Amino acid sequence: MKYVTESRVEDALVSTATSRKTIGRITSVRFYGGVTVDAMMIGCADRLRTGTAAQRAAAARELAMTVRVPCGVIVALVHAAGDPDGQTRYWAAEALETAGPPSIADIGALVEVLLQAQPPIDGESAYWAARLLSRLGPTAAVATPALTHALLASPYLAVREQAAAALGRIGPEAQTAQEALETTVGSGSPRLVRLALAAMESIRGMAA
């Protein structure tokens, strides 16, 4: 699985497929190779969902080469990060690295990814779902139950780490995750324990 390093995970703490309706909210009119970004993004998202392996990989690569991935295609990229095709997974992850936070409208789809992820490939999608929710901070409070589920139940350590990081970024609105974080502190890996402790401190400290 193509996960980030420990330092990047800790930096994150301290510092459903996408519908056409969601994609249609992209408003940029910058030109990209003679085609407006809107049209290019919509085309890429369509190919990510329904294209051949080669088309999906090309679409993900195209998105990775954009200056800033708009929120309207982020969920499509999250699903592509769990694609059976290795090239599609690689380029989807590259695109998500530079993407900004998702929109509030994307939270439900990201929660669904966390709750439905199944081994072996979907660990990639769950990882990115948790990481993107972390970028929203307190705005992602509604995702606390799903992140708590991922923290306790995911078979992937990197997913659990990102879930802990996201809960810490949410802060006091993630109070219901305290018991799960305490459980993690008692049984997790050293890195995960550090992230869980930091999340607990963030939740309690910010609430005080």
Protein backbone atom coordinates (compact mmCIF):
# COMPACT_ATOMS: atom_id res chain seq x y z
CA MET A 1 0.00 0.00 0.00
CA LYS A 2 1.34 3.46 -0.93
CA TYR A 3 1.15 5.26 2.39
CA VAL A 4 2.93 8.36 3.63
CA THR A 5 5.71 8.27 6.19
CA GLU A 6 5.32 8.61 9.93
CA SER A 7 6.42 12.24 9.87
CA ARG A 8 3.74 13.16 7.36
CA VAL A 9 1.06 11.43 9.41
CA GLU A 10 2.09 13.31 12.52
CA ASP A 11 2.32 16.55 10.56
CA ALA A 12 -1.30 16.01 9.56
CA LEU A 13 -2.25 15.92 13.24
CA VAL A 14 -0.42 19.02 14.29
CA SER A 15 -0.71 21.41 11.61
CA THR A 16 -20.17 6.05 -2.91
CA ALA A 17 -18.73 7.34 -6.12
CA THR A 18 -18.87 11.01 -7.02
CA SER A 19 -22.11 12.04 -8.66
CA ARG A 20 -22.29 14.15 -11.80
CA LYS A 21 -24.20 16.72 -9.75
CA THR A 22 -21.22 17.11 -7.42
CA ILE A 23 -18.79 17.31 -10.30
CA GLY A 24 -20.95 19.95 -11.89
CA ARG A 25 -20.22 22.32 -9.02
CA ILE A 26 -16.69 22.92 -10.32
CA THR A 27 -16.60 26.55 -11.38
CA SER A 28 -13.06 27.17 -12.68
CA VAL A 29 -12.80 28.43 -16.25
CA ARG A 30 -9.00 28.19 -16.62
CA PHE A 31 -7.96 26.60 -19.90
CA TYR A 32 -6.02 23.35 -20.01
CA GLY A 33 -4.75 22.32 -23.44
CA GLY A 34 -7.58 24.21 -25.15
CA VAL A 35 -10.28 22.66 -22.94
CA THR A 36 -11.80 24.37 -19.92
CA VAL A 37 -10.87 22.81 -16.61
CA ASP A 38 -14.54 22.10 -15.95
CA ALA A 39 -14.86 19.88 -19.02
CA MET A 40 -11.49 18.23 -18.46
CA MET A 41 -12.28 17.40 -14.82
CA ILE A 42 -15.71 16.01 -15.64
CA GLY A 43 -14.22 13.86 -18.38
CA CYS A 44 -11.50 12.57 -16.06
CA ALA A 45 -14.00 11.70 -13.33
CA ASP A 46 -16.18 9.85 -15.84
CA ARG A 47 -13.20 7.83 -17.06
CA LEU A 48 -12.16 7.04 -13.49
CA ARG A 49 -15.57 5.49 -12.90
CA THR A 50 -16.28 3.72 -16.18
CA GLY A 51 -13.13 3.62 -18.32
CA THR A 52 -10.79 0.75 -19.12
CA ALA A 53 -7.72 0.27 -16.94
CA ALA A 54 -5.63 2.33 -19.35
CA GLN A 55 -8.26 5.08 -19.47
CA ARG A 56 -8.57 5.16 -15.70
CA ALA A 57 -4.81 5.41 -15.27
CA ALA A 58 -4.60 8.19 -17.87
CA ALA A 59 -7.40 10.13 -16.18
CA ALA A 60 -5.77 9.84 -12.76
CA ARG A 61 -2.44 10.95 -14.25
CA GLU A 62 -4.11 13.93 -15.88
CA LEU A 63 -5.59 14.98 -12.56
CA ALA A 64 -2.23 14.51 -10.83
CA MET A 65 -0.71 16.97 -13.30
CA THR A 66 -3.18 19.76 -12.53
CA VAL A 67 -2.11 22.60 -10.29
CA ARG A 68 -4.91 21.98 -7.80
CA VAL A 69 -7.45 19.18 -7.84
CA PRO A 70 -10.92 20.66 -7.26
CA CYS A 71 -13.10 19.19 -4.56
CA GLY A 72 -15.68 18.00 -7.07
CA VAL A 73 -13.53 15.08 -8.22
CA ILE A 74 -11.88 14.16 -4.92
CA VAL A 75 -14.24 11.31 -4.06
CA ALA A 76 -13.75 9.80 -7.51
CA LEU A 77 -10.00 9.86 -6.86
CA VAL A 78 -10.47 8.25 -3.44
CA HIS A 79 -12.22 5.32 -5.10
CA ALA A 80 -9.54 5.25 -7.79
CA ALA A 81 -6.89 4.95 -5.07
CA GLY A 82 -8.35 1.49 -4.43
CA ASP A 83 -8.51 0.55 -8.12
CA PRO A 84 -7.32 -2.96 -9.08
CA ASP A 85 -4.97 -1.36 -11.60
CA GLY A 86 -1.64 -0.36 -10.06
CA GLN A 87 -1.05 2.65 -12.32
CA THR A 88 -4.48 4.05 -11.54
CA ARG A 89 -3.82 3.66 -7.82
CA TYR A 90 -0.43 5.34 -8.13
CA TRP A 91 -1.65 8.40 -10.05
CA ALA A 92 -4.77 8.75 -7.93
CA ALA A 93 -2.57 8.92 -4.83
CA GLU A 94 -0.33 11.48 -6.51
CA ALA A 95 -3.37 13.63 -7.32
CA LEU A 96 -4.72 13.36 -3.80
CA GLU A 97 -1.39 14.43 -2.32
CA THR A 98 -1.87 17.90 -3.82
CA ALA A 99 -5.64 18.12 -3.47
CA GLY A 100 -7.14 20.57 -1.05
CA PRO A 101 -9.75 19.64 1.53
CA PRO A 102 -12.92 17.99 0.25
CA SER A 103 -16.21 19.83 0.23
CA ILE A 104 -18.73 19.40 3.01
CA ALA A 105 -20.93 17.61 0.49
CA ASP A 106 -18.20 14.96 0.10
CA ILE A 107 -18.16 13.97 3.78
CA GLY A 108 -20.97 11.41 3.46
CA ALA A 109 -19.22 9.61 0.61
CA LEU A 110 -15.91 9.56 2.50
CA VAL A 111 -17.67 8.16 5.57
CA GLU A 112 -19.14 5.43 3.41
CA VAL A 113 -15.67 4.53 2.16
CA LEU A 114 -14.45 4.18 5.74
CA LEU A 115 -17.38 2.01 6.77
CA GLN A 116 -17.40 -0.27 3.73
CA ALA A 117 -13.67 -0.70 3.01
CA GLN A 118 -12.73 -4.35 2.62
CA PRO A 119 -9.28 -5.93 2.21
CA PRO A 120 -7.09 -6.05 0.30
CA ILE A 121 -7.30 -3.06 -2.07
CA ASP A 122 -9.82 -0.87 -0.29
CA GLY A 123 -7.30 -0.06 2.43
CA GLU A 124 -5.93 2.56 0.04
CA SER A 125 -9.32 4.21 -0.35
CA ALA A 126 -9.96 4.12 3.41
CA TYR A 127 -6.55 5.66 4.05
CA TRP A 128 -7.31 8.58 1.76
CA ALA A 129 -10.84 8.99 3.09
CA ALA A 130 -9.47 9.40 6.62
CA ARG A 131 -6.67 11.69 5.49
CA LEU A 132 -9.03 13.96 3.55
CA LEU A 133 -11.43 14.16 6.48
CA SER A 134 -8.45 15.23 8.58
CA ARG A 135 -7.95 18.19 6.24
CA LEU A 136 -11.41 19.45 7.15
CA GLY A 137 -10.67 19.67 10.86
CA PRO A 138 -13.73 20.37 13.07
CA THR A 139 -15.94 20.57 9.98
CA ALA A 140 -15.65 16.76 9.76
CA ALA A 141 -17.11 16.21 13.24
CA VAL A 142 -20.03 14.28 11.77
CA ALA A 143 -17.51 11.67 10.60
CA THR A 144 -16.34 10.92 14.16
CA PRO A 145 -18.22 7.58 14.41
CA ALA A 146 -16.79 6.36 11.10
CA LEU A 147 -13.27 7.45 12.04
CA THR A 148 -13.68 5.72 15.40
CA HIS A 149 -14.76 2.56 13.60
CA ALA A 150 -11.68 2.75 11.36
CA LEU A 151 -9.45 3.36 14.37
CA LEU A 152 -10.65 0.21 16.10
CA ALA A 153 -11.51 -2.11 13.23
CA SER A 154 -9.32 -1.43 10.21
CA PRO A 155 -6.82 -4.22 9.48
CA TYR A 156 -4.42 -1.58 8.13
CA LEU A 157 -2.16 0.27 10.54
CA ALA A 158 -1.84 3.28 8.24
CA VAL A 159 -5.63 3.65 8.12
CA ARG A 160 -5.83 3.52 11.91
CA GLU A 161 -3.08 6.13 12.14
CA GLN A 162 -4.90 8.47 9.79
CA ALA A 163 -8.14 7.95 11.71
CA ALA A 164 -6.39 8.95 14.96
CA ALA A 165 -4.86 11.98 13.23
CA ALA A 166 -8.25 13.03 11.89
CA LEU A 167 -9.89 12.72 15.29
CA GLY A 168 -7.21 14.96 16.73
CA ARG A 169 -7.79 17.54 14.02
CA ILE A 170 -11.52 17.51 14.72
CA GLY A 171 -10.80 18.39 18.35
CA PRO A 172 -13.44 18.66 21.09
CA GLU A 173 -16.23 17.75 18.67
CA ALA A 174 -14.71 14.24 18.64
CA GLN A 175 -15.35 13.67 22.37
CA THR A 176 -17.20 10.43 21.66
CA ALA A 177 -13.96 8.90 20.36
CA GLN A 178 -12.14 9.24 23.69
CA GLU A 179 -12.83 5.68 24.84
CA ALA A 180 -11.63 4.24 21.53
CA LEU A 181 -8.50 6.38 21.70
CA GLU A 182 -7.81 5.18 25.23
CA THR A 183 -8.19 1.58 24.05
CA THR A 184 -5.75 2.30 21.24
CA VAL A 185 -3.22 3.78 23.64
CA GLY A 186 -3.29 0.53 25.58
CA SER A 187 -2.84 -1.81 22.64
CA GLY A 188 -1.56 0.03 19.57
CA SER A 189 1.84 0.21 17.88
CA PRO A 190 4.23 2.89 19.18
CA ARG A 191 3.44 5.28 16.34
CA LEU A 192 -0.29 4.77 16.63
CA VAL A 193 -0.08 5.25 20.40
CA ARG A 194 1.64 8.60 19.89
CA LEU A 195 -1.05 9.71 17.47
CA ALA A 196 -3.83 8.55 19.80
CA LEU A 197 -2.28 10.36 22.76
CA ALA A 198 -1.92 13.53 20.69
CA ALA A 199 -5.56 13.23 19.61
CA MET A 200 -6.72 12.83 23.21
CA GLU A 201 -4.71 15.86 24.24
CA SER A 202 -6.12 17.86 21.36
CA ILE A 203 -9.69 16.91 22.21
CA ARG A 204 -9.31 17.61 25.91
CA GLY A 205 -7.05 20.63 25.62
CA MET A 206 -9.15 22.44 23.05
CA ALA A 207 -12.30 21.65 25.01
CA ALA A 208 -10.90 23.17 28.21
